[in-house]
Protein backbone atom coordinates (compact mmCIF):
# COMPACT_ATOMS: atom_id res chain seq x y z
CA UNK A 1 -4.24 -5.56 -45.16
CA UNK A 2 -7.26 -5.05 -46.78
CA UNK A 3 -7.17 -5.20 -50.50
CA UNK A 4 -10.05 -7.66 -50.56
CA UNK A 5 -9.30 -9.65 -54.17
CA UNK A 6 -12.58 -11.50 -54.16
CA UNK A 7 -15.76 -12.64 -51.56
CA UNK A 8 -18.55 -14.76 -52.34
CA UNK A 9 -22.04 -15.72 -49.88
CA UNK A 10 -21.90 -18.49 -50.69
CA UNK A 11 -25.88 -17.84 -51.47
CA UNK A 12 -27.15 -20.40 -55.19
CA UNK A 13 -28.43 -22.98 -55.95
CA UNK A 14 -27.12 -26.18 -55.19
CA UNK A 15 -24.10 -27.91 -56.76
CA UNK A 16 -21.05 -26.96 -57.55
CA UNK A 17 -19.01 -24.15 -55.80
CA UNK A 18 -18.51 -22.89 -58.46
CA UNK A 19 -16.50 -22.05 -61.64
CA UNK A 20 -13.84 -19.75 -60.30
CA UNK A 21 -13.49 -22.16 -58.07
CA UNK A 22 -10.18 -25.05 -57.86
CA UNK A 23 -9.11 -27.47 -55.49
CA UNK A 24 -6.60 -27.03 -53.01
CA UNK A 25 -3.98 -29.93 -54.17
CA UNK A 26 -4.74 -32.96 -51.40
CA UNK A 27 -8.25 -32.32 -50.09
CA UNK A 28 -11.56 -32.74 -51.50
CA UNK A 29 -14.00 -29.97 -53.17
CA UNK A 30 -16.64 -27.84 -51.43
CA UNK A 31 -20.62 -27.98 -52.69
CA UNK A 32 -23.06 -25.34 -51.98
CA UNK A 33 -25.54 -26.74 -49.60
CA UNK A 34 -28.39 -24.87 -48.23
CA UNK A 35 -26.99 -21.36 -49.14
CA UNK A 36 -24.00 -22.96 -47.46
CA UNK A 37 -20.27 -24.11 -48.52
CA UNK A 38 -19.77 -27.59 -48.11
CA UNK A 39 -17.21 -30.78 -47.37
CA UNK A 40 -18.29 -32.81 -50.41
CA UNK A 41 -17.20 -35.24 -48.50
CA UNK A 42 -17.32 -35.85 -44.57
CA UNK A 43 -16.00 -39.72 -44.72
CA UNK A 44 -12.56 -39.18 -45.92
CA UNK A 45 -9.64 -36.26 -46.00
CA UNK A 46 -10.43 -31.62 -44.87
CA UNK A 47 -12.37 -29.88 -47.40
CA UNK A 48 -9.93 -27.11 -49.94
CA UNK A 49 -11.21 -24.80 -53.01
CA UNK A 50 -9.97 -21.93 -53.86
CA UNK A 51 -10.41 -18.80 -55.65
CA UNK A 52 -8.65 -19.03 -59.30
CA UNK A 53 -10.52 -15.91 -60.45
CA UNK A 54 -6.95 -13.84 -58.87
CA UNK A 55 -3.38 -14.00 -58.64
CA UNK A 56 -2.89 -13.78 -54.66
CA UNK A 57 -0.04 -11.97 -54.20
CA UNK A 58 3.24 -13.80 -51.56
CA UNK A 59 1.45 -11.57 -48.68
CA UNK A 60 -2.44 -12.18 -48.33
CA UNK A 61 -5.97 -12.87 -46.28
CA UNK A 62 -8.99 -14.32 -45.54
CA UNK A 63 -11.55 -14.20 -43.13
CA UNK A 64 -14.77 -16.55 -42.72
CA UNK A 65 -17.38 -15.63 -40.68
CA UNK A 66 -18.43 -18.76 -39.23
CA UNK A 67 -21.38 -21.38 -39.63
CA UNK A 68 -22.72 -23.75 -38.30
CA UNK A 69 -20.81 -26.81 -37.37
CA UNK A 70 -20.68 -29.58 -37.81
CA UNK A 71 -20.77 -32.67 -34.64
CA UNK A 72 -19.15 -35.20 -36.50
CA UNK A 73 -15.41 -35.64 -34.57
CA UNK A 74 -12.89 -33.01 -36.50
CA UNK A 75 -15.40 -31.09 -37.37
CA UNK A 76 -14.53 -27.00 -37.97
CA UNK A 77 -14.45 -24.75 -40.78
CA UNK A 78 -11.15 -22.47 -41.40
CA UNK A 79 -9.74 -20.89 -44.32
CA UNK A 80 -5.69 -22.05 -46.10
CA UNK A 81 -3.14 -18.98 -47.28
CA UNK A 82 -0.97 -19.97 -49.66
CA UNK A 83 -2.18 -22.34 -50.89
CA UNK A 84 -2.72 -23.40 -54.23
CA UNK A 85 -4.14 -26.21 -56.50
CA UNK A 86 -1.23 -27.23 -58.58
CA UNK A 87 1.07 -28.30 -55.39
CA UNK A 88 -0.13 -29.87 -51.86
CA UNK A 89 1.27 -26.65 -49.94
CA UNK A 90 -0.12 -23.81 -47.82
CA UNK A 91 -0.50 -23.05 -44.31
CA UNK A 92 -4.39 -24.09 -43.44
CA UNK A 93 -5.67 -22.21 -40.22
CA UNK A 94 -8.64 -24.99 -38.63
CA UNK A 95 -10.94 -24.18 -35.47
CA UNK A 96 -13.99 -26.23 -34.09
CA UNK A 97 -16.79 -25.46 -31.38
CA UNK A 98 -15.19 -28.29 -29.47
CA UNK A 99 -12.46 -29.01 -28.50
CA UNK A 100 -11.12 -24.61 -28.16
CA UNK A 101 -8.96 -24.77 -30.03
CA UNK A 102 -7.17 -23.18 -32.77
CA UNK A 103 -4.80 -24.79 -35.14
CA UNK A 104 -2.09 -23.54 -37.36
CA UNK A 105 -0.37 -26.15 -39.33
CA UNK A 106 2.11 -26.77 -42.89
CA UNK A 107 1.44 -28.06 -45.58
CA UNK A 108 4.79 -29.26 -48.20
CA UNK A 109 4.62 -31.18 -51.17
CA UNK A 110 1.80 -33.72 -49.27
CA UNK A 111 3.76 -33.89 -45.14
CA UNK A 112 1.93 -31.31 -42.79
CA UNK A 113 3.08 -29.56 -39.28
CA UNK A 114 1.21 -28.59 -36.52
CA UNK A 115 2.96 -24.96 -35.77
CA UNK A 116 0.94 -23.78 -33.14
CA UNK A 117 -1.83 -24.19 -30.95
CA UNK A 118 -4.80 -21.34 -29.19
CA UNK A 119 -5.87 -22.90 -26.35
CA UNK A 120 -9.51 -22.18 -25.39
CA UNK A 121 -10.26 -20.75 -28.46
CA UNK A 122 -13.73 -22.20 -29.48
CA UNK A 123 -15.70 -21.14 -32.83
CA UNK A 124 -19.44 -20.79 -33.15
CA UNK A 125 -22.04 -19.39 -35.48
CA UNK A 126 -21.24 -15.65 -35.77
CA UNK A 127 -17.14 -15.45 -35.19
CA UNK A 128 -14.99 -13.79 -37.57
CA UNK A 129 -12.00 -15.95 -38.12
CA UNK A 130 -9.05 -14.06 -39.75
CA UNK A 131 -5.99 -14.40 -41.39
CA UNK A 132 -2.95 -12.96 -42.56
CA UNK A 133 0.50 -14.25 -44.03
CA UNK A 134 2.45 -11.50 -43.96
CA UNK A 135 6.82 -12.47 -44.79
CA UNK A 136 7.57 -14.91 -42.41
CA UNK A 137 4.57 -13.95 -39.78
CA UNK A 138 1.29 -16.22 -40.07
CA UNK A 139 -1.18 -13.94 -36.57
CA UNK A 140 -4.67 -15.03 -36.52
CA UNK A 141 -7.86 -13.11 -34.23
CA UNK A 142 -10.81 -14.26 -33.62
CA UNK A 143 -13.25 -11.62 -33.60
CA UNK A 144 -10.85 -8.44 -34.61
CA UNK A 145 -8.43 -9.63 -31.40
CA UNK A 146 -5.13 -11.77 -31.70
CA UNK A 147 -4.68 -15.45 -30.84
CA UNK A 148 -2.19 -16.85 -33.11
CA UNK A 149 1.66 -15.65 -34.01
CA UNK A 150 4.40 -17.32 -35.38
CA UNK A 151 6.65 -17.12 -37.53
CA UNK A 152 7.97 -19.77 -40.24
């Protein structure tokens, strides 16, 4: 899949993430700090923001280049597929530098289920995490190498 619907470097003044973003239902918002998108709160819930300036097709992909990853328990980075600002339903791909696992979660009406894990896969600054949903297949790659593929 290669159709780019939007792209963002997050290089702008500290504060709100931007007018074209909404918060994923059930999550905290992201804000801009030192030209990075970071969680607005580190004390509860995960953060998830969606660009609302485009209409997403059912088949979609998301990609990030990993920046600095916090060291607090549970700190990490990831992408959301098939998310919504009005429904707490999504696929969430999340990884960290430690313990070296990338997780694929499905959330439907706020209830989360772990679908798959890729063990021995640490994320560090500069890595590219890519995920796509095509029909019922979700695939995840790190730096161009597939690390997960599931049918749901």
